[in-house]
Amino acid sequence: MSQPVASKARVIKILNRIGARGILTEVRVQLIDQPKMQFMRTVKGPVHLGDIVDFEDTELSWPSSSKSNSNFGDIC
């Protein structure tokens, strides 16, 4: 099994504080390797515009075959 590779992204916009005590910050980041790719991340701790955030590539992948636990769309 291969180890997940860490990617780097630059904080381009600070959106808001979330969590029970405002301990997390929602930010919009832009990948360093692929500048056209932007997405939202939740960051714990102090963060400023232009900061570099590390995260694992496994956080980017989306499960191709996921089953929902909801009953919406089920036909009886």
C-alpha atoms as a PDB file:
ATOM      1  CA  MET A   1       0.000   0.000   0.000  1.00  0.00           C
ATOM      2  CA  SER A   2       1.418   3.385  -0.952  1.00  0.00           C
ATOM      3  CA  GLN A   3       1.721   6.281   1.452  1.00  0.00           C
ATOM      4  CA  PRO A   4      -0.440   9.367   0.791  1.00  0.00           C
ATOM      5  CA  VAL A   5       1.496  12.284  -0.667  1.00  0.00           C
ATOM      6  CA  ALA A   6       1.239  15.685   1.003  1.00  0.00           C
ATOM      7  CA  SER A   7       0.215  18.574  -1.248  1.00  0.00           C
ATOM      8  CA  LYS A   8       0.585  22.266  -0.621  1.00  0.00           C
ATOM      9  CA  ALA A   9      -1.982  24.993  -1.132  1.00  0.00           C
ATOM     10  CA  ARG A  10      -1.938  28.767  -0.642  1.00  0.00           C
ATOM     11  CA  VAL A  11      -4.696  30.520   1.332  1.00  0.00           C
ATOM     12  CA  ILE A  12      -6.371  33.030  -0.992  1.00  0.00           C
ATOM     13  CA  LYS A  13      -9.461  33.962   1.060  1.00  0.00           C
ATOM     14  CA  ILE A  14     -10.534  33.623   4.686  1.00  0.00           C
ATOM     15  CA  LEU A  15     -14.262  32.881   4.818  1.00  0.00           C
ATOM     16  CA  ASN A  16     -15.431  32.485   8.428  1.00  0.00           C
ATOM     17  CA  ARG A  17     -14.885  30.879  11.823  1.00  0.00           C
ATOM     18  CA  ILE A  18     -16.726  27.648  12.583  1.00  0.00           C
ATOM     19  CA  GLY A  19     -17.047  25.235  15.460  1.00  0.00           C
ATOM     20  CA  ALA A  20     -18.518  25.530  18.936  1.00  0.00           C
ATOM     21  CA  ARG A  21     -15.875  28.003  20.066  1.00  0.00           C
ATOM     22  CA  GLY A  22     -14.726  29.312  16.698  1.00  0.00           C
ATOM     23  CA  ILE A  23     -11.581  27.195  16.843  1.00  0.00           C
ATOM     24  CA  LEU A  24     -11.701  26.291  13.128  1.00  0.00           C
ATOM     25  CA  THR A  25     -11.414  28.636  10.160  1.00  0.00           C
ATOM     26  CA  GLU A  26     -12.912  27.998   6.726  1.00  0.00           C
ATOM     27  CA  VAL A  27     -10.566  29.169   3.965  1.00  0.00           C
ATOM     28  CA  ARG A  28     -10.419  29.024   0.186  1.00  0.00           C
ATOM     29  CA  VAL A  29      -7.116  27.606  -1.030  1.00  0.00           C
ATOM     30  CA  GLN A  30      -5.367  27.308  -4.387  1.00  0.00           C
ATOM     31  CA  LEU A  31      -3.072  24.391  -5.152  1.00  0.00           C
ATOM     32  CA  ILE A  32       0.562  25.341  -5.676  1.00  0.00           C
ATOM     33  CA  ASP A  33       1.080  22.632  -8.340  1.00  0.00           C
ATOM     34  CA  GLN A  34      -2.192  23.359 -10.195  1.00  0.00           C
ATOM     35  CA  PRO A  35      -3.055  27.068  -9.855  1.00  0.00           C
ATOM     36  CA  LYS A  36      -6.463  26.689 -11.547  1.00  0.00           C
ATOM     37  CA  MET A  37      -7.689  24.284  -8.857  1.00  0.00           C
ATOM     38  CA  GLN A  38      -9.313  26.017  -5.879  1.00  0.00           C
ATOM     39  CA  PHE A  39     -11.409  24.573  -3.060  1.00  0.00           C
ATOM     40  CA  MET A  40     -12.466  25.167   0.537  1.00  0.00           C
ATOM     41  CA  ARG A  41     -10.622  23.725   3.526  1.00  0.00           C
ATOM     42  CA  THR A  42     -11.091  23.832   7.274  1.00  0.00           C
ATOM     43  CA  VAL A  43      -7.951  24.878   9.134  1.00  0.00           C
ATOM     44  CA  LYS A  44      -7.266  24.619  12.857  1.00  0.00           C
ATOM     45  CA  GLY A  45      -5.126  27.329  14.383  1.00  0.00           C
ATOM     46  CA  PRO A  46      -4.090  30.783  13.242  1.00  0.00           C
ATOM     47  CA  VAL A  47      -4.148  31.370   9.494  1.00  0.00           C
ATOM     48  CA  HIS A  48      -3.492  34.450   7.332  1.00  0.00           C
ATOM     49  CA  LEU A  49      -3.779  35.291   3.633  1.00  0.00           C
ATOM     50  CA  GLY A  50      -0.870  33.836   1.684  1.00  0.00           C
ATOM     51  CA  ASP A  51      -0.135  31.056   4.190  1.00  0.00           C
ATOM     52  CA  ILE A  52       0.821  27.636   2.814  1.00  0.00           C
ATOM     53  CA  VAL A  53      -1.343  24.740   4.066  1.00  0.00           C
ATOM     54  CA  ASP A  54      -0.287  21.076   3.845  1.00  0.00           C
ATOM     55  CA  PHE A  55      -2.814  18.278   3.380  1.00  0.00           C
ATOM     56  CA  GLU A  56      -2.865  14.708   2.089  1.00  0.00           C
ATOM     57  CA  ASP A  57      -3.908  13.833  -1.465  1.00  0.00           C
ATOM     58  CA  THR A  58      -6.342  11.281  -0.041  1.00  0.00           C
ATOM     59  CA  GLU A  59      -8.446  14.220   1.170  1.00  0.00           C
ATOM     60  CA  LEU A  60      -8.885  15.288  -2.462  1.00  0.00           C
ATOM     61  CA  SER A  61     -10.090  11.937  -3.766  1.00  0.00           C
ATOM     62  CA  TRP A  62     -13.817  11.275  -3.944  1.00  0.00           C
ATOM     63  CA  PRO A  63     -15.131   7.716  -3.526  1.00  0.00           C
ATOM     64  CA  SER A  64     -16.316   6.523  -6.924  1.00  0.00           C
ATOM     65  CA  SER A  65     -18.856   4.042  -5.601  1.00  0.00           C
ATOM     66  CA  SER A  66     -20.394   5.336  -2.406  1.00  0.00           C
ATOM     67  CA  LYS A  67     -23.740   4.214  -1.040  1.00  0.00           C
ATOM     68  CA  SER A  68     -25.961   6.662   0.757  1.00  0.00           C
ATOM     69  CA  ASN A  69     -27.683   5.732   4.003  1.00  0.00           C
ATOM     70  CA  SER A  70     -30.658   7.941   3.227  1.00  0.00           C
ATOM     71  CA  ASN A  71     -33.992   6.721   1.913  1.00  0.00           C
ATOM     72  CA  PHE A  72     -34.308   9.457  -0.691  1.00  0.00           C
ATOM     73  CA  GLY A  73     -34.815   8.053  -4.150  1.00  0.00           C
ATOM     74  CA  ASP A  74     -35.432   4.494  -2.956  1.00  0.00           C
ATOM     75  CA  ILE A  75     -38.321   2.763  -4.673  1.00  0.00           C
ATOM     76  CA  CYS A  76     -40.317   0.321  -2.549  1.00  0.00           C
END
